[in-house]
PDB file of N, CA and C in Angstrom:
ATOM      1  N   MET A   1      -4.657  28.833  50.749  1.00  0.00           N
ATOM      2  CA  MET A   1      -5.805  28.339  51.764  1.00  0.00           C
ATOM      3  C   MET A   1      -5.270  28.222  53.198  1.00  0.00           C
ATOM      4  N   ALA A   2      -5.615  28.147  54.042  1.00  0.00           N
ATOM      5  CA  ALA A   2      -5.130  28.495  55.973  1.00  0.00           C
ATOM      6  C   ALA A   2      -5.842  26.639  56.296  1.00  0.00           C
ATOM      7  N   LYS A   3      -5.379  26.236  56.799  1.00  0.00           N
ATOM      8  CA  LYS A   3      -5.348  25.298  57.046  1.00  0.00           C
ATOM      9  C   LYS A   3      -6.050  25.414  58.574  1.00  0.00           C
ATOM     10  N   THR A   4      -7.463  25.238  58.896  1.00  0.00           N
ATOM     11  CA  THR A   4      -8.334  24.710  60.092  1.00  0.00           C
ATOM     12  C   THR A   4      -7.443  24.309  61.151  1.00  0.00           C
ATOM     13  N   GLU A   5      -7.055  24.529  62.264  1.00  0.00           N
ATOM     14  CA  GLU A   5      -7.088  23.015  63.171  1.00  0.00           C
ATOM     15  C   GLU A   5      -8.239  22.801  63.899  1.00  0.00           C
ATOM     16  N   LYS A   6      -8.750  21.807  64.347  1.00  0.00           N
ATOM     17  CA  LYS A   6      -9.965  21.810  65.367  1.00  0.00           C
ATOM     18  C   LYS A   6      -8.756  21.398  66.298  1.00  0.00           C
ATOM     19  N   LYS A   7      -9.969  21.285  67.267  1.00  0.00           N
ATOM     20  CA  LYS A   7      -9.151  21.691  69.040  1.00  0.00           C
ATOM     21  C   LYS A   7      -9.449  20.401  69.463  1.00  0.00           C
ATOM     22  N   LYS A   8      -8.084  19.909  69.886  1.00  0.00           N
ATOM     23  CA  LYS A   8      -7.752  19.039  70.479  1.00  0.00           C
ATOM     24  C   LYS A   8      -9.186  18.693  71.864  1.00  0.00           C
ATOM     25  N   THR A   9      -9.725  17.668  71.772  1.00  0.00           N
ATOM     26  CA  THR A   9     -10.596  17.717  73.439  1.00  0.00           C
ATOM     27  C   THR A   9      -9.841  16.992  74.148  1.00  0.00           C
ATOM     28  N   GLU A  10     -10.102  17.223  75.477  1.00  0.00           N
ATOM     29  CA  GLU A  10      -8.234  16.604  76.328  1.00  0.00           C
ATOM     30  C   GLU A  10      -9.572  16.339  76.971  1.00  0.00           C
ATOM     31  N   LEU A  11      -9.738  15.044  77.735  1.00  0.00           N
ATOM     32  CA  LEU A  11     -10.869  14.176  78.631  1.00  0.00           C
ATOM     33  C   LEU A  11     -10.036  14.560  80.236  1.00  0.00           C
ATOM     34  N   ILE A  12     -11.417  15.367  81.157  1.00  0.00           N
ATOM     35  CA  ILE A  12     -11.691  15.252  82.163  1.00  0.00           C
ATOM     36  C   ILE A  12     -12.045  14.530  82.900  1.00  0.00           C
ATOM     37  N   ARG A  13     -11.043  13.671  83.655  1.00  0.00           N
ATOM     38  CA  ARG A  13     -11.003  12.703  84.540  1.00  0.00           C
ATOM     39  C   ARG A  13     -11.201  12.787  86.115  1.00  0.00           C
ATOM     40  N   THR A  14     -12.543  12.296  86.580  1.00  0.00           N
ATOM     41  CA  THR A  14     -13.007  12.796  88.135  1.00  0.00           C
ATOM     42  C   THR A  14     -13.370  11.658  88.555  1.00  0.00           C
ATOM     43  N   CYS A  15     -13.505  11.495  89.783  1.00  0.00           N
ATOM     44  CA  CYS A  15     -13.682  10.168  90.650  1.00  0.00           C
ATOM     45  C   CYS A  15     -15.229  10.573  90.808  1.00  0.00           C
ATOM     46  N   PRO A  16     -16.232   9.052  90.665  1.00  0.00           N
ATOM     47  CA  PRO A  16     -17.889   9.504  90.452  1.00  0.00           C
ATOM     48  C   PRO A  16     -17.886   9.788  92.218  1.00  0.00           C
ATOM     49  N   MET A  17     -17.351   9.559  92.469  1.00  0.00           N
ATOM     50  CA  MET A  17     -17.735   9.448  94.441  1.00  0.00           C
ATOM     51  C   MET A  17     -17.952  11.235  94.728  1.00  0.00           C
ATOM     52  N   CYS A  18     -16.606  11.856  94.047  1.00  0.00           N
ATOM     53  CA  CYS A  18     -16.667  13.212  95.098  1.00  0.00           C
ATOM     54  C   CYS A  18     -16.347  14.057  93.786  1.00  0.00           C
ATOM     55  N   GLY A  19     -15.687  13.705  92.452  1.00  0.00           N
ATOM     56  CA  GLY A  19     -15.536  14.793  91.390  1.00  0.00           C
ATOM     57  C   GLY A  19     -13.975  15.379  91.408  1.00  0.00           C
ATOM     58  N   ASN A  20     -13.835  14.573  91.920  1.00  0.00           N
ATOM     59  CA  ASN A  20     -11.726  15.268  92.698  1.00  0.00           C
ATOM     60  C   ASN A  20     -11.423  14.884  90.951  1.00  0.00           C
ATOM     61  N   PRO A  21     -11.071  15.814  90.235  1.00  0.00           N
ATOM     62  CA  PRO A  21     -10.057  15.599  88.772  1.00  0.00           C
ATOM     63  C   PRO A  21      -9.053  15.294  88.974  1.00  0.00           C
ATOM     64  N   ASP A  22      -8.159  15.119  90.164  1.00  0.00           N
ATOM     65  CA  ASP A  22      -6.440  15.071  90.682  1.00  0.00           C
ATOM     66  C   ASP A  22      -6.560  13.396  91.102  1.00  0.00           C
ATOM     67  N   LEU A  23      -6.627  12.473  89.933  1.00  0.00           N
ATOM     68  CA  LEU A  23      -6.484  11.380  90.271  1.00  0.00           C
ATOM     69  C   LEU A  23      -5.358  10.595  89.875  1.00  0.00           C
ATOM     70  N   LYS A  24      -4.545   9.858  90.560  1.00  0.00           N
ATOM     71  CA  LYS A  24      -3.359   9.504  90.770  1.00  0.00           C
ATOM     72  C   LYS A  24      -3.211   7.606  90.448  1.00  0.00           C
ATOM     73  N   TRP A  25      -2.388   7.339  89.443  1.00  0.00           N
ATOM     74  CA  TRP A  25      -2.618   5.776  88.709  1.00  0.00           C
ATOM     75  C   TRP A  25      -1.979   4.618  90.209  1.00  0.00           C
ATOM     76  N   VAL A  26      -2.744   3.540  90.324  1.00  0.00           N
ATOM     77  CA  VAL A  26      -2.092   2.760  91.336  1.00  0.00           C
ATOM     78  C   VAL A  26      -1.266   2.184  91.383  1.00  0.00           C
ATOM     79  N   GLY A  27       0.285   2.139  91.522  1.00  0.00           N
ATOM     80  CA  GLY A  27       0.943   0.699  91.196  1.00  0.00           C
ATOM     81  C   GLY A  27       1.903   1.714  92.320  1.00  0.00           C
ATOM     82  N   GLY A  28       2.909   0.356  91.418  1.00  0.00           N
ATOM     83  CA  GLY A  28       4.177   1.079  92.002  1.00  0.00           C
ATOM     84  C   GLY A  28       4.323  -0.139  93.567  1.00  0.00           C
ATOM     85  N   GLY A  29       5.517  -0.431  94.073  1.00  0.00           N
ATOM     86  CA  GLY A  29       6.127  -0.533  95.653  1.00  0.00           C
ATOM     87  C   GLY A  29       6.104  -2.441  95.455  1.00  0.00           C
ATOM     88  N   GLU A  30       5.347  -3.226  96.040  1.00  0.00           N
ATOM     89  CA  GLU A  30       5.882  -4.782  95.980  1.00  0.00           C
ATOM     90  C   GLU A  30       5.339  -5.594  95.170  1.00  0.00           C
ATOM     91  N   ASN A  31       3.782  -4.793  94.860  1.00  0.00           N
ATOM     92  CA  ASN A  31       3.116  -5.664  93.347  1.00  0.00           C
ATOM     93  C   ASN A  31       3.121  -4.671  92.331  1.00  0.00           C
ATOM     94  N   ALA A  32       4.335  -4.254  91.595  1.00  0.00           N
ATOM     95  CA  ALA A  32       4.904  -3.707  90.690  1.00  0.00           C
ATOM     96  C   ALA A  32       4.489  -4.158  89.545  1.00  0.00           C
ATOM     97  N   ALA A  33       5.499  -5.341  89.371  1.00  0.00           N
ATOM     98  CA  ALA A  33       5.092  -6.084  88.069  1.00  0.00           C
ATOM     99  C   ALA A  33       3.853  -6.448  87.859  1.00  0.00           C
ATOM    100  N   TYR A  34       2.889  -6.859  88.937  1.00  0.00           N
ATOM    101  CA  TYR A  34       1.249  -7.138  88.941  1.00  0.00           C
ATOM    102  C   TYR A  34       1.135  -6.180  88.367  1.00  0.00           C
ATOM    103  N   ASP A  35       1.110  -4.365  88.622  1.00  0.00           N
ATOM    104  CA  ASP A  35      -0.169  -3.502  88.491  1.00  0.00           C
ATOM    105  C   ASP A  35       0.556  -3.401  86.668  1.00  0.00           C
ATOM    106  N   LEU A  36       1.674  -3.572  86.438  1.00  0.00           N
ATOM    107  CA  LEU A  36       1.912  -2.909  85.239  1.00  0.00           C
ATOM    108  C   LEU A  36       1.183  -3.621  84.302  1.00  0.00           C
ATOM    109  N   ILE A  37       0.782  -5.125  84.346  1.00  0.00           N
ATOM    110  CA  ILE A  37       0.194  -5.637  83.154  1.00  0.00           C
ATOM    111  C   ILE A  37      -1.056  -6.376  84.271  1.00  0.00           C
ATOM    112  N   GLY A  38      -1.220  -6.048  85.213  1.00  0.00           N
ATOM    113  CA  GLY A  38      -2.528  -6.460  85.366  1.00  0.00           C
ATOM    114  C   GLY A  38      -3.543  -5.851  86.219  1.00  0.00           C
ATOM    115  N   GLU A  39      -4.217  -6.169  87.500  1.00  0.00           N
ATOM    116  CA  GLU A  39      -5.463  -5.249  88.094  1.00  0.00           C
ATOM    117  C   GLU A  39      -5.316  -3.282  87.973  1.00  0.00           C
ATOM    118  N   THR A  40      -4.205  -3.023  87.626  1.00  0.00           N
ATOM    119  CA  THR A  40      -4.949  -1.406  88.417  1.00  0.00           C
ATOM    120  C   THR A  40      -4.461  -1.058  86.228  1.00  0.00           C
ATOM    121  N   SER A  41      -3.527  -1.162  85.126  1.00  0.00           N
ATOM    122  CA  SER A  41      -3.681  -0.791  84.163  1.00  0.00           C
ATOM    123  C   SER A  41      -4.059  -1.497  83.601  1.00  0.00           C
ATOM    124  N   LEU A  42      -5.114  -2.485  83.390  1.00  0.00           N
ATOM    125  CA  LEU A  42      -6.073  -3.202  82.490  1.00  0.00           C
ATOM    126  C   LEU A  42      -6.750  -2.791  83.277  1.00  0.00           C
ATOM    127  N   SER A  43      -7.779  -2.842  84.350  1.00  0.00           N
ATOM    128  CA  SER A  43      -9.169  -2.285  84.889  1.00  0.00           C
ATOM    129  C   SER A  43      -9.205  -1.085  84.580  1.00  0.00           C
ATOM    130  N   GLY A  44      -8.326  -0.129  84.898  1.00  0.00           N
ATOM    131  CA  GLY A  44      -8.636   1.677  84.479  1.00  0.00           C
ATOM    132  C   GLY A  44      -8.650   2.241  85.942  1.00  0.00           C
ATOM    133  N   GLU A  45      -8.865   1.253  87.427  1.00  0.00           N
ATOM    134  CA  GLU A  45      -8.961   1.921  88.098  1.00  0.00           C
ATOM    135  C   GLU A  45      -7.868   3.318  88.398  1.00  0.00           C
ATOM    136  N   LEU A  46      -7.522   3.618  89.311  1.00  0.00           N
ATOM    137  CA  LEU A  46      -6.974   5.275  90.201  1.00  0.00           C
ATOM    138  C   LEU A  46      -7.613   5.488  91.222  1.00  0.00           C
ATOM    139  N   PHE A  47      -7.080   6.098  91.726  1.00  0.00           N
ATOM    140  CA  PHE A  47      -6.847   6.411  93.058  1.00  0.00           C
ATOM    141  C   PHE A  47      -7.391   7.459  93.670  1.00  0.00           C
ATOM    142  N   CYS A  48      -8.537   8.137  94.574  1.00  0.00           N
ATOM    143  CA  CYS A  48      -8.749   8.995  94.606  1.00  0.00           C
ATOM    144  C   CYS A  48      -8.168   9.704  96.733  1.00  0.00           C
ATOM    145  N   GLU A  49      -7.648  10.340  96.059  1.00  0.00           N
ATOM    146  CA  GLU A  49      -6.907  10.977  97.012  1.00  0.00           C
ATOM    147  C   GLU A  49      -7.788  12.331  98.459  1.00  0.00           C
ATOM    148  N   ARG A  50      -8.678  12.351  97.803  1.00  0.00           N
ATOM    149  CA  ARG A  50     -10.093  13.195  98.277  1.00  0.00           C
ATOM    150  C   ARG A  50     -10.572  11.982  99.966  1.00  0.00           C
ATOM    151  N   CYS A  51     -11.362  11.211  98.370  1.00  0.00           N
ATOM    152  CA  CYS A  51     -11.799  10.069  99.335  1.00  0.00           C
ATOM    153  C   CYS A  51     -10.902   8.009  99.696  1.00  0.00           C
ATOM    154  N   GLY A  52      -9.638   8.795  99.494  1.00  0.00           N
ATOM    155  CA  GLY A  52      -9.100   7.305  99.312  1.00  0.00           C
ATOM    156  C   GLY A  52      -9.286   5.901  99.213  1.00  0.00           C
ATOM    157  N   LYS A  53     -10.114   6.611  97.595  1.00  0.00           N
ATOM    158  CA  LYS A  53     -10.529   5.089  97.552  1.00  0.00           C
ATOM    159  C   LYS A  53     -10.341   4.836  95.758  1.00  0.00           C
ATOM    160  N   LYS A  54      -9.959   3.777  96.058  1.00  0.00           N
ATOM    161  CA  LYS A  54      -9.616   2.939  93.961  1.00  0.00           C
ATOM    162  C   LYS A  54     -11.088   3.570  93.235  1.00  0.00           C
ATOM    163  N   VAL A  55     -11.540   4.160  91.977  1.00  0.00           N
ATOM    164  CA  VAL A  55     -12.466   3.964  91.790  1.00  0.00           C
ATOM    165  C   VAL A  55     -12.327   3.818  89.914  1.00  0.00           C
ATOM    166  N   LEU A  56     -13.257   3.706  89.537  1.00  0.00           N
ATOM    167  CA  LEU A  56     -13.379   3.724  87.971  1.00  0.00           C
ATOM    168  C   LEU A  56     -13.589   4.933  87.656  1.00  0.00           C
ATOM    169  N   PRO A  57     -12.936   5.768  87.575  1.00  0.00           N
ATOM    170  CA  PRO A  57     -13.701   7.406  86.916  1.00  0.00           C
ATOM    171  C   PRO A  57     -14.345   7.668  85.572  1.00  0.00           C
ATOM    172  N   ILE A  58     -14.968   8.990  86.037  1.00  0.00           N
ATOM    173  CA  ILE A  58     -16.257   9.528  85.020  1.00  0.00           C
ATOM    174  C   ILE A  58     -14.578  10.089  84.443  1.00  0.00           C
ATOM    175  N   GLU A  59     -15.474   9.785  83.262  1.00  0.00           N
ATOM    176  CA  GLU A  59     -14.917  10.686  81.428  1.00  0.00           C
ATOM    177  C   GLU A  59     -15.955  11.836  81.200  1.00  0.00           C
ATOM    178  N   PHE A  60     -14.895  13.322  80.862  1.00  0.00           N
ATOM    179  CA  PHE A  60     -16.489  14.415  80.684  1.00  0.00           C
ATOM    180  C   PHE A  60     -15.287  14.479  79.613  1.00  0.00           C
ATOM    181  N   ASP A  61     -16.094  15.453  78.073  1.00  0.00           N
ATOM    182  CA  ASP A  61     -15.235  15.300  76.765  1.00  0.00           C
ATOM    183  C   ASP A  61     -15.176  17.493  77.261  1.00  0.00           C
ATOM    184  N   SER A  62     -15.926  17.829  78.202  1.00  0.00           N
ATOM    185  CA  SER A  62     -16.165  18.671  77.979  1.00  0.00           C
ATOM    186  C   SER A  62     -15.761  19.551  79.246  1.00  0.00           C
ATOM    187  N   GLU A  63     -15.043  20.483  79.505  1.00  0.00           N
ATOM    188  CA  GLU A  63     -15.447  20.957  80.348  1.00  0.00           C
ATOM    189  C   GLU A  63     -16.681  21.846  81.238  1.00  0.00           C
ATOM    190  N   LYS A  64     -17.148  21.671  80.646  1.00  0.00           N
ATOM    191  CA  LYS A  64     -19.278  22.628  80.564  1.00  0.00           C
ATOM    192  C   LYS A  64     -19.541  21.454  80.940  1.00  0.00           C
ATOM    193  N   ALA A  65     -19.634  19.758  80.263  1.00  0.00           N
ATOM    194  CA  ALA A  65     -20.206  18.903  80.932  1.00  0.00           C
ATOM    195  C   ALA A  65     -19.458  18.557  82.652  1.00  0.00           C
ATOM    196  N   TYR A  66     -18.394  18.667  82.978  1.00  0.00           N
ATOM    197  CA  TYR A  66     -17.720  18.491  83.686  1.00  0.00           C
ATOM    198  C   TYR A  66     -18.209  19.468  85.128  1.00  0.00           C
ATOM    199  N   ILE A  67     -18.478  20.569  84.630  1.00  0.00           N
ATOM    200  CA  ILE A  67     -19.266  21.305  85.739  1.00  0.00           C
ATOM    201  C   ILE A  67     -21.156  21.494  85.885  1.00  0.00           C
ATOM    202  N   LYS A  68     -21.414  21.107  85.230  1.00  0.00           N
ATOM    203  CA  LYS A  68     -22.666  20.552  85.210  1.00  0.00           C
ATOM    204  C   LYS A  68     -23.002  19.205  86.015  1.00  0.00           C
ATOM    205  N   PHE A  69     -21.831  18.382  85.983  1.00  0.00           N
ATOM    206  CA  PHE A  69     -21.619  16.894  86.656  1.00  0.00           C
ATOM    207  C   PHE A  69     -21.634  18.186  88.238  1.00  0.00           C
ATOM    208  N   MET A  70     -20.458  18.552  88.624  1.00  0.00           N
ATOM    209  CA  MET A  70     -20.532  18.669  89.731  1.00  0.00           C
ATOM    210  C   MET A  70     -21.539  19.599  90.490  1.00  0.00           C
ATOM    211  N   ALA A  71     -21.940  20.467  89.976  1.00  0.00           N
ATOM    212  CA  ALA A  71     -23.804  21.307  90.413  1.00  0.00           C
ATOM    213  C   ALA A  71     -25.058  20.321  90.676  1.00  0.00           C
ATOM    214  N   GLU A  72     -24.776  19.534  89.968  1.00  0.00           N
ATOM    215  CA  GLU A  72     -25.654  17.699  89.933  1.00  0.00           C
ATOM    216  C   GLU A  72     -25.554  17.945  91.355  1.00  0.00           C
ATOM    217  N   LYS A  73     -24.123  17.394  91.602  1.00  0.00           N
ATOM    218  CA  LYS A  73     -23.686  16.413  92.469  1.00  0.00           C
ATOM    219  C   LYS A  73     -23.793  17.627  94.483  1.00  0.00           C
ATOM    220  N   LYS A  74     -24.055  18.386  93.765  1.00  0.00           N
ATOM    221  CA  LYS A  74     -24.175  19.659  95.373  1.00  0.00           C
ATOM    222  C   LYS A  74     -25.046  19.975  95.221  1.00  0.00           C
ATOM    223  N   GLY A  75     -26.188  20.100  94.878  1.00  0.00           N
ATOM    224  CA  GLY A  75     -27.509  19.976  94.522  1.00  0.00           C
ATOM    225  C   GLY A  75     -28.196  18.740  95.689  1.00  0.00           C
ATOM    226  N   LYS A  76     -27.335  17.438  95.198  1.00  0.00           N
ATOM    227  CA  LYS A  76     -28.052  16.170  95.683  1.00  0.00           C
ATOM    228  C   LYS A  76     -27.837  16.118  97.251  1.00  0.00           C
ATOM    229  N   ALA A  77     -26.166  16.942  97.708  1.00  0.00           N
ATOM    230  CA  ALA A  77     -25.556  16.795  99.074  1.00  0.00           C
ATOM    231  C   ALA A  77     -26.031  18.057 100.410  1.00  0.00           C
ATOM    232  N   LYS A  78     -27.327  18.921  99.138  1.00  0.00           N
ATOM    233  CA  LYS A  78     -27.915  19.480 100.083  1.00  0.00           C
ATOM    234  C   LYS A  78     -28.918  19.391 100.406  1.00  0.00           C
ATOM    235  N   LYS A  79     -29.373  18.493  99.124  1.00  0.00           N
ATOM    236  CA  LYS A  79     -30.902  17.449  99.549  1.00  0.00           C
ATOM    237  C   LYS A  79     -30.653  16.842 100.539  1.00  0.00           C
ATOM    238  N   THR A  80     -29.612  15.668 100.900  1.00  0.00           N
ATOM    239  CA  THR A  80     -29.137  14.556 101.972  1.00  0.00           C
ATOM    240  C   THR A  80     -28.869  15.179 103.467  1.00  0.00           C
ATOM    241  N   THR A  81     -28.063  16.556 103.471  1.00  0.00           N
ATOM    242  CA  THR A  81     -28.004  17.222 104.660  1.00  0.00           C
ATOM    243  C   THR A  81     -28.961  18.032 104.912  1.00  0.00           C
ATOM    244  N   LYS A  82     -30.118  17.981 104.590  1.00  0.00           N
ATOM    245  CA  LYS A  82     -31.055  18.916 105.109  1.00  0.00           C
ATOM    246  C   LYS A  82     -31.966  18.270 106.119  1.00  0.00           C
ATOM    247  N   ARG A  83     -31.872  19.437 107.252  1.00  0.00           N
ATOM    248  CA  ARG A  83     -32.405  18.529 108.569  1.00  0.00           C
ATOM    249  C   ARG A  83     -33.959  18.721 108.387  1.00  0.00           C
ATOM    250  N   ARG A  84     -35.145  17.978 109.104  1.00  0.00           N
ATOM    251  CA  ARG A  84     -36.482  18.725 109.491  1.00  0.00           C
ATOM    252  C   ARG A  84     -36.600  19.071 110.412  1.00  0.00           C
TER     253      ARG A  84
END
């Protein structure tokens, strides 16, 4: 009998503000030792280059869930930019 392998689901982490999945770990520089054991490594904060902010990412377990989130985000953005 052949073993069936379960497909590993890779979490998609995105910025809660803009949905950018390209987030960077905040560390290094003069606070490298602190970052290694302190604020960013334990808090889970990442840096969004699009927003320029440290954020706690939203995690999605599937691409389908991420796409749904982005569609809802775009819908809300259109509603707030409509003129009366």
